[in-house]
Amino acid sequence: MVVEVKLVSYTPGPDEWAHRFGGYPARLSIKPGDVLRVGTEDCFGGRVQHPGDIPSEVVKFEDMNPVSGPIHVEGAEPGDILAVHFIDIIPARKYAVSSLFPHFGALSGTHETALLHDALPELVWFYDIDVEKWTATFRAVRSDFALTLPLDPMHGTVGVAPAFGESRLVFVPSVYGGNMDTPELRAGTTLYLPVSVPGALLALGDGHARQGEGEVTGTGLESAMRTAITVDVVKGAEPLGWPRLENDDFVMSTGSIRPLEDAFRISQKDLLGWVSSLLGIDTFDAYQLVSQLGVSPVANVCDPNYTFVAKFPKRYLDTAAYGGVHNRLSAIADDYRKSYARLW
C-alpha cells in the first residue's frame, strides 16, 4: 500500500543562502515524515558558468559554498538526534565544474604547509552532465583526452546549528556535521546529527555530481542539485558525539579534525562504541571486531578539518540502529517515488 507523503518544496535564491551553521533564523519548518524537495547551488554560487571564468575572480571567498536553510524540524530538541534520509540527489544543470586553487587541496602548499614551490595554477574543468545516461564527461584541459564517468551524486556539506550559540563557517566540518565531503552522503543514506538547538536548524549544499575519496584537489564535480530528503527525530538515545551515517549495508561513524590521524581515531572510537552498543558486547571485544571487519575511507584532506569515515557491515549486527529509523525513512522514500516523478 502506498502511503500519501506530504511534499514540501524549497529553492532559495542568493538572498536566502546561508554561509554559516548557526546564527540564521529558520527559513521554513517541516515535520518528521515530510518529504522536502530542496534546491541547492554549487560551491561557486553558480557564478562559474564558462571555461574562461576563474573562480577566484568571479566569486568572493565569503560567498563560496552556500547552503540552503536553515530548516526547522518540528519536535527536535537539544539532546535529540536528527535523522536525515537522502532520497534523491539529481544534478540540476547540464554541466558540473571542478578546479584547482593555488593554495588549496591535499597536494598544494598553503600558509600552514609552507613549501618552496610556485603556487598551483588555477585551472577549471567543465564536465558535461547527462542525467538520462547518468554520466559525466571529463575533458582534459592540456590534451585531447576524454573519459566518461558514472554519476554518483552526493552532498559535501550538511549540518545543524552548533551548541552554545556558536556560528561556524560552512567550510568547517565538526561535531554538528558541516563540510565533511564524504561520498557516502549519497541517495539511500541516512545521516544522524546531534540536535543542539530547538528545531535543529538543518542546512545543506555543496552538491557533487561525483567525488573521489579524499577530495584531493579540494573540489568534486561541483553541481547545483535538486534533492529530496525526509527526516525523523530520535528521542531518548545516548547523546551523539559525532555525525553518524547508515545505509542498507553499513553503519558509519565520522571524525573531523586535524591532524588526519586524529580524525581517524575519532571515527574508529565512535564506531567501536556504536558496535559495542548494537551487539551488547564489551568495548574491547568491539575493538577487535571493528579492527577485523571495518572499512576506513578518507572523506576529505583539504578542508579546515580533515574527515575520516569508519564503516562496519550491518550483516553482523543483531539490532537495528536507533530503533530501525533508517528502514522507516527508506520506506517513506519508496512511497515518495511511487507517488511523484523522480525529476522535478
C-alpha atoms as a PDB file:
ATOM      1  CA  MET A   1       0.000   0.000   0.000  1.00  0.00           C
ATOM      2  CA  VAL A   2       1.321   3.427  -0.930  1.00  0.00           C
ATOM      3  CA  VAL A   3       1.114   5.947   1.913  1.00  0.00           C
ATOM      4  CA  GLU A   4       0.497   9.554   0.952  1.00  0.00           C
ATOM      5  CA  VAL A   5       3.516  11.663   1.849  1.00  0.00           C
ATOM      6  CA  LYS A   6       3.431  15.377   2.474  1.00  0.00           C
ATOM      7  CA  LEU A   7       5.632  17.146  -0.050  1.00  0.00           C
ATOM      8  CA  VAL A   8       7.332  20.465   0.740  1.00  0.00           C
ATOM      9  CA  SER A   9       9.417  22.388  -1.812  1.00  0.00           C
ATOM     10  CA  TYR A  10      12.103  24.993  -1.149  1.00  0.00           C
ATOM     11  CA  THR A  11      14.597  26.527  -3.562  1.00  0.00           C
ATOM     12  CA  PRO A  12      16.209  29.631  -2.069  1.00  0.00           C
ATOM     13  CA  GLY A  13      17.727  32.477  -4.007  1.00  0.00           C
ATOM     14  CA  PRO A  14      21.025  34.197  -3.180  1.00  0.00           C
ATOM     15  CA  ASP A  15      19.408  36.436  -0.557  1.00  0.00           C
ATOM     16  CA  GLU A  16      18.377  33.353   1.432  1.00  0.00           C
ATOM     17  CA  TRP A  17      21.555  31.281   1.233  1.00  0.00           C
ATOM     18  CA  ALA A  18      23.420  30.663   4.461  1.00  0.00           C
ATOM     19  CA  HIS A  19      27.199  30.667   4.816  1.00  0.00           C
ATOM     20  CA  ARG A  20      27.384  29.530   8.428  1.00  0.00           C
ATOM     21  CA  PHE A  21      25.824  26.887  10.618  1.00  0.00           C
ATOM     22  CA  GLY A  22      24.074  28.791  13.389  1.00  0.00           C
ATOM     23  CA  GLY A  23      23.212  32.461  13.532  1.00  0.00           C
ATOM     24  CA  TYR A  24      20.365  32.430  10.988  1.00  0.00           C
ATOM     25  CA  PRO A  25      16.599  32.246  11.554  1.00  0.00           C
ATOM     26  CA  ALA A  26      14.755  29.255  10.113  1.00  0.00           C
ATOM     27  CA  ARG A  27      13.614  29.719   6.502  1.00  0.00           C
ATOM     28  CA  LEU A  28      10.876  27.082   6.751  1.00  0.00           C
ATOM     29  CA  SER A  29       9.603  24.319   9.008  1.00  0.00           C
ATOM     30  CA  ILE A  30       8.960  20.650   8.275  1.00  0.00           C
ATOM     31  CA  LYS A  31       7.631  17.728  10.294  1.00  0.00           C
ATOM     32  CA  PRO A  32       9.132  14.263  10.705  1.00  0.00           C
ATOM     33  CA  GLY A  33       7.997  12.140   7.781  1.00  0.00           C
ATOM     34  CA  ASP A  34       7.576  15.076   5.388  1.00  0.00           C
ATOM     35  CA  VAL A  35       9.489  14.920   2.119  1.00  0.00           C
ATOM     36  CA  LEU A  36      11.377  18.117   1.329  1.00  0.00           C
ATOM     37  CA  ARG A  37      12.422  18.851  -2.231  1.00  0.00           C
ATOM     38  CA  VAL A  38      15.236  21.352  -1.804  1.00  0.00           C
ATOM     39  CA  GLY A  39      17.253  23.127  -4.461  1.00  0.00           C
ATOM     40  CA  THR A  40      20.898  23.806  -3.681  1.00  0.00           C
ATOM     41  CA  GLU A  41      23.556  25.817  -5.527  1.00  0.00           C
ATOM     42  CA  ASP A  42      27.086  24.697  -6.326  1.00  0.00           C
ATOM     43  CA  CYS A  43      30.057  25.796  -4.220  1.00  0.00           C
ATOM     44  CA  PHE A  44      30.676  28.716  -6.586  1.00  0.00           C
ATOM     45  CA  GLY A  45      27.157  30.097  -6.153  1.00  0.00           C
ATOM     46  CA  GLY A  46      26.537  29.390  -9.843  1.00  0.00           C
ATOM     47  CA  ARG A  47      28.983  32.108 -10.889  1.00  0.00           C
ATOM     48  CA  VAL A  48      31.452  29.878 -12.765  1.00  0.00           C
ATOM     49  CA  GLN A  49      29.469  29.463 -15.967  1.00  0.00           C
ATOM     50  CA  HIS A  50      32.088  29.230 -18.729  1.00  0.00           C
ATOM     51  CA  PRO A  51      35.571  27.676 -19.026  1.00  0.00           C
ATOM     52  CA  GLY A  52      37.081  31.165 -19.013  1.00  0.00           C
ATOM     53  CA  ASP A  53      35.565  32.021 -15.604  1.00  0.00           C
ATOM     54  CA  ILE A  54      38.296  31.912 -12.958  1.00  0.00           C
ATOM     55  CA  PRO A  55      36.696  31.116  -9.574  1.00  0.00           C
ATOM     56  CA  SER A  56      38.887  33.486  -7.537  1.00  0.00           C
ATOM     57  CA  GLU A  57      37.955  36.323  -9.898  1.00  0.00           C
ATOM     58  CA  VAL A  58      34.184  35.784 -10.095  1.00  0.00           C
ATOM     59  CA  VAL A  59      33.393  34.545  -6.560  1.00  0.00           C
ATOM     60  CA  LYS A  60      34.338  36.234  -3.301  1.00  0.00           C
ATOM     61  CA  PHE A  61      35.668  33.838  -0.691  1.00  0.00           C
ATOM     62  CA  GLU A  62      32.886  34.736   1.724  1.00  0.00           C
ATOM     63  CA  ASP A  63      30.290  33.814  -0.927  1.00  0.00           C
ATOM     64  CA  MET A  64      31.675  30.328  -1.528  1.00  0.00           C
ATOM     65  CA  ASN A  65      29.870  27.135  -0.591  1.00  0.00           C
ATOM     66  CA  PRO A  66      26.364  28.499   0.099  1.00  0.00           C
ATOM     67  CA  VAL A  67      23.869  26.174   1.791  1.00  0.00           C
ATOM     68  CA  SER A  68      20.080  26.067   1.651  1.00  0.00           C
ATOM     69  CA  GLY A  69      18.392  26.575   5.005  1.00  0.00           C
ATOM     70  CA  PRO A  70      18.260  26.597   7.894  1.00  0.00           C
ATOM     71  CA  ILE A  71      15.268  24.261   8.084  1.00  0.00           C
ATOM     72  CA  HIS A  72      13.374  23.927  11.358  1.00  0.00           C
ATOM     73  CA  VAL A  73      12.321  20.356  12.178  1.00  0.00           C
ATOM     74  CA  GLU A  74       9.277  20.225  14.417  1.00  0.00           C
ATOM     75  CA  GLY A  75       9.796  18.322  17.658  1.00  0.00           C
ATOM     76  CA  ALA A  76      13.604  18.374  17.560  1.00  0.00           C
ATOM     77  CA  GLU A  77      15.004  19.434  20.927  1.00  0.00           C
ATOM     78  CA  PRO A  78      18.536  19.646  22.343  1.00  0.00           C
ATOM     79  CA  GLY A  79      19.772  16.172  23.198  1.00  0.00           C
ATOM     80  CA  ASP A  80      17.777  14.508  20.404  1.00  0.00           C
ATOM     81  CA  ILE A  81      19.235  13.037  17.233  1.00  0.00           C
ATOM     82  CA  LEU A  82      18.120  14.300  13.837  1.00  0.00           C
ATOM     83  CA  ALA A  83      17.925  11.580  11.170  1.00  0.00           C
ATOM     84  CA  VAL A  84      18.155  12.940   7.603  1.00  0.00           C
ATOM     85  CA  HIS A  85      17.499  10.435   4.812  1.00  0.00           C
ATOM     86  CA  PHE A  86      18.595  11.306   1.266  1.00  0.00           C
ATOM     87  CA  ILE A  87      16.014  10.077  -1.228  1.00  0.00           C
ATOM     88  CA  ASP A  88      17.252  11.578  -4.490  1.00  0.00           C
ATOM     89  CA  ILE A  89      20.156  13.851  -5.400  1.00  0.00           C
ATOM     90  CA  ILE A  90      19.902  14.949  -9.032  1.00  0.00           C
ATOM     91  CA  PRO A  91      22.251  17.380 -10.842  1.00  0.00           C
ATOM     92  CA  ALA A  92      20.265  20.468 -11.808  1.00  0.00           C
ATOM     93  CA  ARG A  93      22.399  21.589 -14.769  1.00  0.00           C
ATOM     94  CA  LYS A  94      23.917  20.019 -17.854  1.00  0.00           C
ATOM     95  CA  TYR A  95      27.394  20.735 -16.545  1.00  0.00           C
ATOM     96  CA  ALA A  96      29.472  20.468 -13.397  1.00  0.00           C
ATOM     97  CA  VAL A  97      32.634  22.416 -12.561  1.00  0.00           C
ATOM     98  CA  SER A  98      35.871  21.331 -10.914  1.00  0.00           C
ATOM     99  CA  SER A  99      39.012  23.344 -10.381  1.00  0.00           C
ATOM    100  CA  LEU A 100      42.450  23.759  -8.884  1.00  0.00           C
ATOM    101  CA  PHE A 101      43.102  26.610  -6.482  1.00  0.00           C
ATOM    102  CA  PRO A 102      46.621  27.994  -5.986  1.00  0.00           C
ATOM    103  CA  HIS A 103      46.745  27.358  -2.224  1.00  0.00           C
ATOM    104  CA  PHE A 104      44.114  24.688  -1.615  1.00  0.00           C
ATOM    105  CA  GLY A 105      43.949  20.914  -1.855  1.00  0.00           C
ATOM    106  CA  ALA A 106      45.902  17.978  -0.477  1.00  0.00           C
ATOM    107  CA  LEU A 107      48.917  18.413  -2.787  1.00  0.00           C
ATOM    108  CA  SER A 108      49.289  22.179  -2.632  1.00  0.00           C
ATOM    109  CA  GLY A 109      51.345  24.333  -0.321  1.00  0.00           C
ATOM    110  CA  THR A 110      49.352  26.629   1.973  1.00  0.00           C
ATOM    111  CA  HIS A 111      50.195  29.244   4.593  1.00  0.00           C
ATOM    112  CA  GLU A 112      50.204  26.358   7.109  1.00  0.00           C
ATOM    113  CA  THR A 113      52.085  23.941   4.830  1.00  0.00           C
ATOM    114  CA  ALA A 114      54.997  26.106   3.750  1.00  0.00           C
ATOM    115  CA  LEU A 115      56.791  24.733   0.688  1.00  0.00           C
ATOM    116  CA  LEU A 116      59.401  26.184  -1.677  1.00  0.00           C
ATOM    117  CA  HIS A 117      57.493  25.851  -4.908  1.00  0.00           C
ATOM    118  CA  ASP A 118      55.251  28.041  -7.008  1.00  0.00           C
ATOM    119  CA  ALA A 119      51.534  28.037  -6.339  1.00  0.00           C
ATOM    120  CA  LEU A 120      49.479  25.608  -8.405  1.00  0.00           C
ATOM    121  CA  PRO A 121      47.808  27.091 -11.490  1.00  0.00           C
ATOM    122  CA  GLU A 122      44.138  27.984 -11.170  1.00  0.00           C
ATOM    123  CA  LEU A 123      42.589  25.650 -13.749  1.00  0.00           C
ATOM    124  CA  VAL A 124      38.924  24.911 -14.438  1.00  0.00           C
ATOM    125  CA  TRP A 125      37.339  21.759 -15.843  1.00  0.00           C
ATOM    126  CA  PHE A 126      33.796  21.649 -17.179  1.00  0.00           C
ATOM    127  CA  TYR A 127      32.105  18.238 -17.167  1.00  0.00           C
ATOM    128  CA  ASP A 128      29.120  17.580 -19.424  1.00  0.00           C
ATOM    129  CA  ILE A 129      26.331  16.045 -17.334  1.00  0.00           C
ATOM    130  CA  ASP A 130      23.814  13.668 -18.915  1.00  0.00           C
ATOM    131  CA  VAL A 131      21.189  12.741 -16.331  1.00  0.00           C
ATOM    132  CA  GLU A 132      19.398  10.374 -18.714  1.00  0.00           C
ATOM    133  CA  LYS A 133      22.582   8.374 -19.318  1.00  0.00           C
ATOM    134  CA  TRP A 134      23.730   9.055 -15.724  1.00  0.00           C
ATOM    135  CA  THR A 135      27.191  10.118 -16.880  1.00  0.00           C
ATOM    136  CA  ALA A 136      29.706  12.951 -16.602  1.00  0.00           C
ATOM    137  CA  THR A 137      32.295  13.534 -19.321  1.00  0.00           C
ATOM    138  CA  PHE A 138      35.810  14.579 -18.362  1.00  0.00           C
ATOM    139  CA  ARG A 139      37.843  16.527 -20.938  1.00  0.00           C
ATOM    140  CA  ALA A 140      41.486  17.286 -20.239  1.00  0.00           C
ATOM    141  CA  VAL A 141      42.483  20.962 -20.421  1.00  0.00           C
ATOM    142  CA  ARG A 142      46.000  20.255 -21.712  1.00  0.00           C
ATOM    143  CA  SER A 143      45.342  17.479 -24.231  1.00  0.00           C
ATOM    144  CA  ASP A 144      42.542  15.898 -26.248  1.00  0.00           C
ATOM    145  CA  PHE A 145      41.953  13.124 -23.721  1.00  0.00           C
ATOM    146  CA  ALA A 146      38.342  12.478 -22.657  1.00  0.00           C
ATOM    147  CA  LEU A 147      36.690   9.933 -20.365  1.00  0.00           C
ATOM    148  CA  THR A 148      33.083   9.164 -19.445  1.00  0.00           C
ATOM    149  CA  LEU A 149      32.427   8.680 -15.719  1.00  0.00           C
ATOM    150  CA  PRO A 150      29.305   7.390 -13.936  1.00  0.00           C
ATOM    151  CA  LEU A 151      27.421   9.904 -11.825  1.00  0.00           C
ATOM    152  CA  ASP A 152      27.457   9.343  -8.082  1.00  0.00           C
ATOM    153  CA  PRO A 153      25.810  12.484  -6.657  1.00  0.00           C
ATOM    154  CA  MET A 154      26.314  13.457  -3.028  1.00  0.00           C
ATOM    155  CA  HIS A 155      26.227  16.473  -0.730  1.00  0.00           C
ATOM    156  CA  GLY A 156      29.535  17.645   0.648  1.00  0.00           C
ATOM    157  CA  THR A 157      28.039  19.977   3.258  1.00  0.00           C
ATOM    158  CA  VAL A 158      25.178  19.042   5.588  1.00  0.00           C
ATOM    159  CA  GLY A 159      24.789  20.151   9.171  1.00  0.00           C
ATOM    160  CA  VAL A 160      22.785  21.669  12.001  1.00  0.00           C
ATOM    161  CA  ALA A 161      23.293  24.653  14.291  1.00  0.00           C
ATOM    162  CA  PRO A 162      26.154  24.116  16.777  1.00  0.00           C
ATOM    163  CA  ALA A 163      25.715  24.209  20.542  1.00  0.00           C
ATOM    164  CA  PHE A 164      26.237  27.199  22.850  1.00  0.00           C
ATOM    165  CA  GLY A 165      25.101  29.781  20.308  1.00  0.00           C
ATOM    166  CA  GLU A 166      28.115  29.250  18.077  1.00  0.00           C
ATOM    167  CA  SER A 167      28.088  30.227  14.406  1.00  0.00           C
ATOM    168  CA  ARG A 168      30.565  28.266  12.280  1.00  0.00           C
ATOM    169  CA  LEU A 169      31.652  28.772   8.673  1.00  0.00           C
ATOM    170  CA  VAL A 170      30.193  26.171   6.320  1.00  0.00           C
ATOM    171  CA  PHE A 171      33.725  25.185   5.234  1.00  0.00           C
ATOM    172  CA  VAL A 172      34.495  23.586   8.606  1.00  0.00           C
ATOM    173  CA  PRO A 173      33.368  20.017   9.371  1.00  0.00           C
ATOM    174  CA  SER A 174      32.907  19.237  13.061  1.00  0.00           C
ATOM    175  CA  VAL A 175      30.536  17.639  15.564  1.00  0.00           C
ATOM    176  CA  TYR A 176      27.488  19.362  14.003  1.00  0.00           C
ATOM    177  CA  GLY A 177      28.245  17.992  10.505  1.00  0.00           C
ATOM    178  CA  GLY A 178      29.316  20.685   8.083  1.00  0.00           C
ATOM    179  CA  ASN A 179      31.695  20.299   5.153  1.00  0.00           C
ATOM    180  CA  MET A 180      32.501  16.605   5.667  1.00  0.00           C
ATOM    181  CA  ASP A 181      32.818  15.954   1.909  1.00  0.00           C
ATOM    182  CA  THR A 182      32.239  12.219   2.126  1.00  0.00           C
ATOM    183  CA  PRO A 183      30.871  10.413  -0.953  1.00  0.00           C
ATOM    184  CA  GLU A 184      28.870   8.293   1.494  1.00  0.00           C
ATOM    185  CA  LEU A 185      26.349  11.169   1.689  1.00  0.00           C
ATOM    186  CA  ARG A 186      24.525   9.889  -1.383  1.00  0.00           C
ATOM    187  CA  ALA A 187      20.911   8.859  -2.048  1.00  0.00           C
ATOM    188  CA  GLY A 188      19.906   5.952   0.178  1.00  0.00           C
ATOM    189  CA  THR A 189      21.984   7.134   3.149  1.00  0.00           C
ATOM    190  CA  THR A 190      20.620   8.311   6.498  1.00  0.00           C
ATOM    191  CA  LEU A 191      22.725  10.912   8.308  1.00  0.00           C
ATOM    192  CA  TYR A 192      22.460  11.246  12.086  1.00  0.00           C
ATOM    193  CA  LEU A 193      23.244  14.654  13.582  1.00  0.00           C
ATOM    194  CA  PRO A 194      23.185  15.875  17.211  1.00  0.00           C
ATOM    195  CA  VAL A 195      20.451  18.397  17.959  1.00  0.00           C
ATOM    196  CA  SER A 196      21.772  21.359  19.957  1.00  0.00           C
ATOM    197  CA  VAL A 197      19.051  23.981  19.426  1.00  0.00           C
ATOM    198  CA  PRO A 198      15.257  23.771  19.164  1.00  0.00           C
ATOM    199  CA  GLY A 199      14.311  22.683  15.641  1.00  0.00           C
ATOM    200  CA  ALA A 200      17.879  21.541  14.870  1.00  0.00           C
ATOM    201  CA  LEU A 201      18.188  24.136  12.050  1.00  0.00           C
ATOM    202  CA  LEU A 202      19.327  21.843   9.258  1.00  0.00           C
ATOM    203  CA  ALA A 203      21.096  23.216   6.169  1.00  0.00           C
ATOM    204  CA  LEU A 204      22.679  21.541   3.149  1.00  0.00           C
ATOM    205  CA  GLY A 205      24.515  22.308  -0.072  1.00  0.00           C
ATOM    206  CA  ASP A 206      27.840  21.739  -1.842  1.00  0.00           C
ATOM    207  CA  GLY A 207      26.481  19.135  -4.257  1.00  0.00           C
ATOM    208  CA  HIS A 208      28.974  16.994  -6.163  1.00  0.00           C
ATOM    209  CA  ALA A 209      27.941  15.018  -9.238  1.00  0.00           C
ATOM    210  CA  ARG A 210      30.676  12.677  -8.074  1.00  0.00           C
ATOM    211  CA  GLN A 211      33.816  12.861  -5.943  1.00  0.00           C
ATOM    212  CA  GLY A 212      36.718  10.541  -5.213  1.00  0.00           C
ATOM    213  CA  GLU A 213      37.645   9.589  -1.671  1.00  0.00           C
ATOM    214  CA  GLY A 214      39.730  12.343  -0.097  1.00  0.00           C
ATOM    215  CA  GLU A 215      38.632  15.136  -2.492  1.00  0.00           C
ATOM    216  CA  VAL A 216      42.336  15.537  -3.215  1.00  0.00           C
ATOM    217  CA  THR A 217      42.142  18.685  -5.379  1.00  0.00           C
ATOM    218  CA  GLY A 218      39.688  20.313  -2.972  1.00  0.00           C
ATOM    219  CA  THR A 219      36.773  20.121  -5.421  1.00  0.00           C
ATOM    220  CA  GLY A 220      34.467  17.416  -6.679  1.00  0.00           C
ATOM    221  CA  LEU A 221      32.249  17.782  -9.736  1.00  0.00           C
ATOM    222  CA  GLU A 222      30.610  20.852  -8.234  1.00  0.00           C
ATOM    223  CA  SER A 223      26.941  20.947  -9.180  1.00  0.00           C
ATOM    224  CA  ALA A 224      23.676  22.611  -8.296  1.00  0.00           C
ATOM    225  CA  MET A 225      21.302  19.901  -7.077  1.00  0.00           C
ATOM    226  CA  ARG A 226      17.650  19.009  -6.873  1.00  0.00           C
ATOM    227  CA  THR A 227      17.482  16.933  -3.729  1.00  0.00           C
ATOM    228  CA  ALA A 228      14.705  15.122  -1.901  1.00  0.00           C
ATOM    229  CA  ILE A 229      15.091  14.307   1.793  1.00  0.00           C
ATOM    230  CA  THR A 230      12.914  13.101   4.633  1.00  0.00           C
ATOM    231  CA  VAL A 231      13.628  13.445   8.338  1.00  0.00           C
ATOM    232  CA  ASP A 232      12.842  11.974  11.728  1.00  0.00           C
ATOM    233  CA  VAL A 233      13.738  12.793  15.318  1.00  0.00           C
ATOM    234  CA  VAL A 234      15.235  10.129  17.594  1.00  0.00           C
ATOM    235  CA  LYS A 235      14.279  10.620  21.238  1.00  0.00           C
ATOM    236  CA  GLY A 236      15.861   9.070  24.293  1.00  0.00           C
ATOM    237  CA  ALA A 237      19.040   7.773  22.639  1.00  0.00           C
ATOM    238  CA  GLU A 238      22.512   8.205  24.049  1.00  0.00           C
ATOM    239  CA  PRO A 239      23.785  11.692  23.099  1.00  0.00           C
ATOM    240  CA  LEU A 240      25.548  11.747  19.754  1.00  0.00           C
ATOM    241  CA  GLY A 241      29.155  12.868  19.905  1.00  0.00           C
ATOM    242  CA  TRP A 242      29.873  12.891  16.156  1.00  0.00           C
ATOM    243  CA  PRO A 243      27.802  12.595  12.978  1.00  0.00           C
ATOM    244  CA  ARG A 244      26.937   9.037  12.025  1.00  0.00           C
ATOM    245  CA  LEU A 245      25.623   7.548   8.795  1.00  0.00           C
ATOM    246  CA  GLU A 246      23.738   4.424   7.808  1.00  0.00           C
ATOM    247  CA  ASN A 247      22.817   2.816   4.515  1.00  0.00           C
ATOM    248  CA  ASP A 248      21.445  -0.618   3.697  1.00  0.00           C
ATOM    249  CA  ASP A 249      24.853  -2.247   4.127  1.00  0.00           C
ATOM    250  CA  PHE A 250      26.861  -0.303   6.731  1.00  0.00           C
ATOM    251  CA  VAL A 251      26.713   1.768   9.883  1.00  0.00           C
ATOM    252  CA  MET A 252      29.326   4.528   9.761  1.00  0.00           C
ATOM    253  CA  SER A 253      30.962   6.982  12.127  1.00  0.00           C
ATOM    254  CA  THR A 254      32.817  10.166  11.229  1.00  0.00           C
ATOM    255  CA  GLY A 255      35.634  12.169  12.755  1.00  0.00           C
ATOM    256  CA  SER A 256      36.667  15.650  11.608  1.00  0.00           C
ATOM    257  CA  ILE A 257      39.815  17.339  12.926  1.00  0.00           C
ATOM    258  CA  ARG A 258      43.485  17.883  12.105  1.00  0.00           C
ATOM    259  CA  PRO A 259      45.823  16.044  12.016  1.00  0.00           C
ATOM    260  CA  LEU A 260      44.360  13.301   9.837  1.00  0.00           C
ATOM    261  CA  GLU A 261      45.312  10.501  12.217  1.00  0.00           C
ATOM    262  CA  ASP A 262      43.216  12.085  14.970  1.00  0.00           C
ATOM    263  CA  ALA A 263      40.222  12.251  12.614  1.00  0.00           C
ATOM    264  CA  PHE A 264      40.819   8.540  12.013  1.00  0.00           C
ATOM    265  CA  ARG A 265      40.955   7.846  15.747  1.00  0.00           C
ATOM    266  CA  ILE A 266      37.742   9.771  16.416  1.00  0.00           C
ATOM    267  CA  SER A 267      35.826   7.849  13.753  1.00  0.00           C
ATOM    268  CA  GLN A 268      37.179   4.489  14.942  1.00  0.00           C
ATOM    269  CA  LYS A 269      36.471   5.152  18.628  1.00  0.00           C
ATOM    270  CA  ASP A 270      32.933   6.283  17.862  1.00  0.00           C
ATOM    271  CA  LEU A 271      32.295   3.269  15.645  1.00  0.00           C
ATOM    272  CA  LEU A 272      33.532   0.699  18.151  1.00  0.00           C
ATOM    273  CA  GLY A 273      31.333   2.315  20.817  1.00  0.00           C
ATOM    274  CA  TRP A 274      28.350   2.080  18.467  1.00  0.00           C
ATOM    275  CA  VAL A 275      29.115  -1.548  17.563  1.00  0.00           C
ATOM    276  CA  SER A 276      29.562  -2.385  21.240  1.00  0.00           C
ATOM    277  CA  SER A 277      26.114  -0.980  21.973  1.00  0.00           C
ATOM    278  CA  LEU A 278      24.390  -2.624  18.998  1.00  0.00           C
ATOM    279  CA  LEU A 279      25.875  -6.068  19.753  1.00  0.00           C
ATOM    280  CA  GLY A 280      25.743  -5.759  23.537  1.00  0.00           C
ATOM    281  CA  ILE A 281      29.405  -6.697  23.901  1.00  0.00           C
ATOM    282  CA  ASP A 282      32.418  -5.350  25.766  1.00  0.00           C
ATOM    283  CA  THR A 283      34.270  -2.363  24.335  1.00  0.00           C
ATOM    284  CA  PHE A 284      37.457  -4.327  23.770  1.00  0.00           C
ATOM    285  CA  ASP A 285      35.577  -7.126  22.028  1.00  0.00           C
ATOM    286  CA  ALA A 286      34.021  -4.494  19.755  1.00  0.00           C
ATOM    287  CA  TYR A 287      37.519  -3.053  19.230  1.00  0.00           C
ATOM    288  CA  GLN A 288      38.645  -6.458  17.963  1.00  0.00           C
ATOM    289  CA  LEU A 289      35.655  -6.841  15.601  1.00  0.00           C
ATOM    290  CA  VAL A 290      35.980  -3.346  14.161  1.00  0.00           C
ATOM    291  CA  SER A 291      39.674  -3.988  13.585  1.00  0.00           C
ATOM    292  CA  GLN A 292      38.906  -7.126  11.544  1.00  0.00           C
ATOM    293  CA  LEU A 293      35.688  -6.104   9.733  1.00  0.00           C
ATOM    294  CA  GLY A 294      35.902  -2.321   9.478  1.00  0.00           C
ATOM    295  CA  VAL A 295      36.418  -0.197   6.367  1.00  0.00           C
ATOM    296  CA  SER A 296      38.033   3.247   6.663  1.00  0.00           C
ATOM    297  CA  PRO A 297      37.641   5.602   3.669  1.00  0.00           C
ATOM    298  CA  VAL A 298      39.098   9.082   3.795  1.00  0.00           C
ATOM    299  CA  ALA A 299      36.405  11.699   3.164  1.00  0.00           C
ATOM    300  CA  ASN A 300      38.477  14.861   2.729  1.00  0.00           C
ATOM    301  CA  VAL A 301      42.079  16.000   3.209  1.00  0.00           C
ATOM    302  CA  CYS A 302      41.561  19.581   2.046  1.00  0.00           C
ATOM    303  CA  ASP A 303      39.116  21.334   4.387  1.00  0.00           C
ATOM    304  CA  PRO A 304      39.993  23.247   7.584  1.00  0.00           C
ATOM    305  CA  ASN A 305      39.342  19.949   9.381  1.00  0.00           C
ATOM    306  CA  TYR A 306      40.027  16.639   7.679  1.00  0.00           C
ATOM    307  CA  THR A 307      37.336  13.935   7.779  1.00  0.00           C
ATOM    308  CA  PHE A 308      37.590  10.154   8.118  1.00  0.00           C
ATOM    309  CA  VAL A 309      34.721   7.660   7.897  1.00  0.00           C
ATOM    310  CA  ALA A 310      34.710   4.316   9.708  1.00  0.00           C
ATOM    311  CA  LYS A 311      32.289   1.646   8.404  1.00  0.00           C
ATOM    312  CA  PHE A 312      31.016  -1.629   9.872  1.00  0.00           C
ATOM    313  CA  PRO A 313      28.927  -4.141   7.867  1.00  0.00           C
ATOM    314  CA  LYS A 314      25.345  -4.439   9.127  1.00  0.00           C
ATOM    315  CA  ARG A 315      25.070  -8.131   8.267  1.00  0.00           C
ATOM    316  CA  TYR A 316      26.951  -8.853  11.506  1.00  0.00           C
ATOM    317  CA  LEU A 317      24.568  -6.808  13.665  1.00  0.00           C
ATOM    318  CA  ASP A 318      21.577  -8.242  15.525  1.00  0.00           C
ATOM    319  CA  THR A 319      19.974  -4.918  16.450  1.00  0.00           C
ATOM    320  CA  ALA A 320      18.794  -2.114  14.174  1.00  0.00           C
ATOM    321  CA  ALA A 321      20.340   1.277  14.895  1.00  0.00           C
ATOM    322  CA  TYR A 322      18.045   3.787  16.612  1.00  0.00           C
ATOM    323  CA  GLY A 323      15.016   1.527  16.524  1.00  0.00           C
ATOM    324  CA  GLY A 324      15.179   0.990  12.771  1.00  0.00           C
ATOM    325  CA  VAL A 325      14.754   4.653  11.765  1.00  0.00           C
ATOM    326  CA  HIS A 326      16.792   4.094   8.569  1.00  0.00           C
ATOM    327  CA  ASN A 327      14.336   1.435   7.412  1.00  0.00           C
ATOM    328  CA  ARG A 328      11.339   3.623   8.265  1.00  0.00           C
ATOM    329  CA  LEU A 329      12.726   6.559   6.312  1.00  0.00           C
ATOM    330  CA  SER A 330      13.655   4.270   3.412  1.00  0.00           C
ATOM    331  CA  ALA A 331      10.008   3.154   3.300  1.00  0.00           C
ATOM    332  CA  ILE A 332       8.903   6.805   3.093  1.00  0.00           C
ATOM    333  CA  ALA A 333      11.382   7.228   0.248  1.00  0.00           C
ATOM    334  CA  ASP A 334       9.837   4.262  -1.561  1.00  0.00           C
ATOM    335  CA  ASP A 335       6.340   5.712  -1.149  1.00  0.00           C
ATOM    336  CA  TYR A 336       7.554   9.087  -2.406  1.00  0.00           C
ATOM    337  CA  ARG A 337       8.999   7.527  -5.556  1.00  0.00           C
ATOM    338  CA  LYS A 338       5.733   5.716  -6.240  1.00  0.00           C
ATOM    339  CA  SER A 339       3.742   8.924  -5.856  1.00  0.00           C
ATOM    340  CA  TYR A 340       5.984  11.511  -7.520  1.00  0.00           C
ATOM    341  CA  ALA A 341       8.233  11.746 -10.541  1.00  0.00           C
ATOM    342  CA  ARG A 342      11.944  11.406  -9.835  1.00  0.00           C
ATOM    343  CA  LEU A 343      12.842  14.620 -11.624  1.00  0.00           C
ATOM    344  CA  TRP A 344      11.303  17.970 -10.755  1.00  0.00           C
END
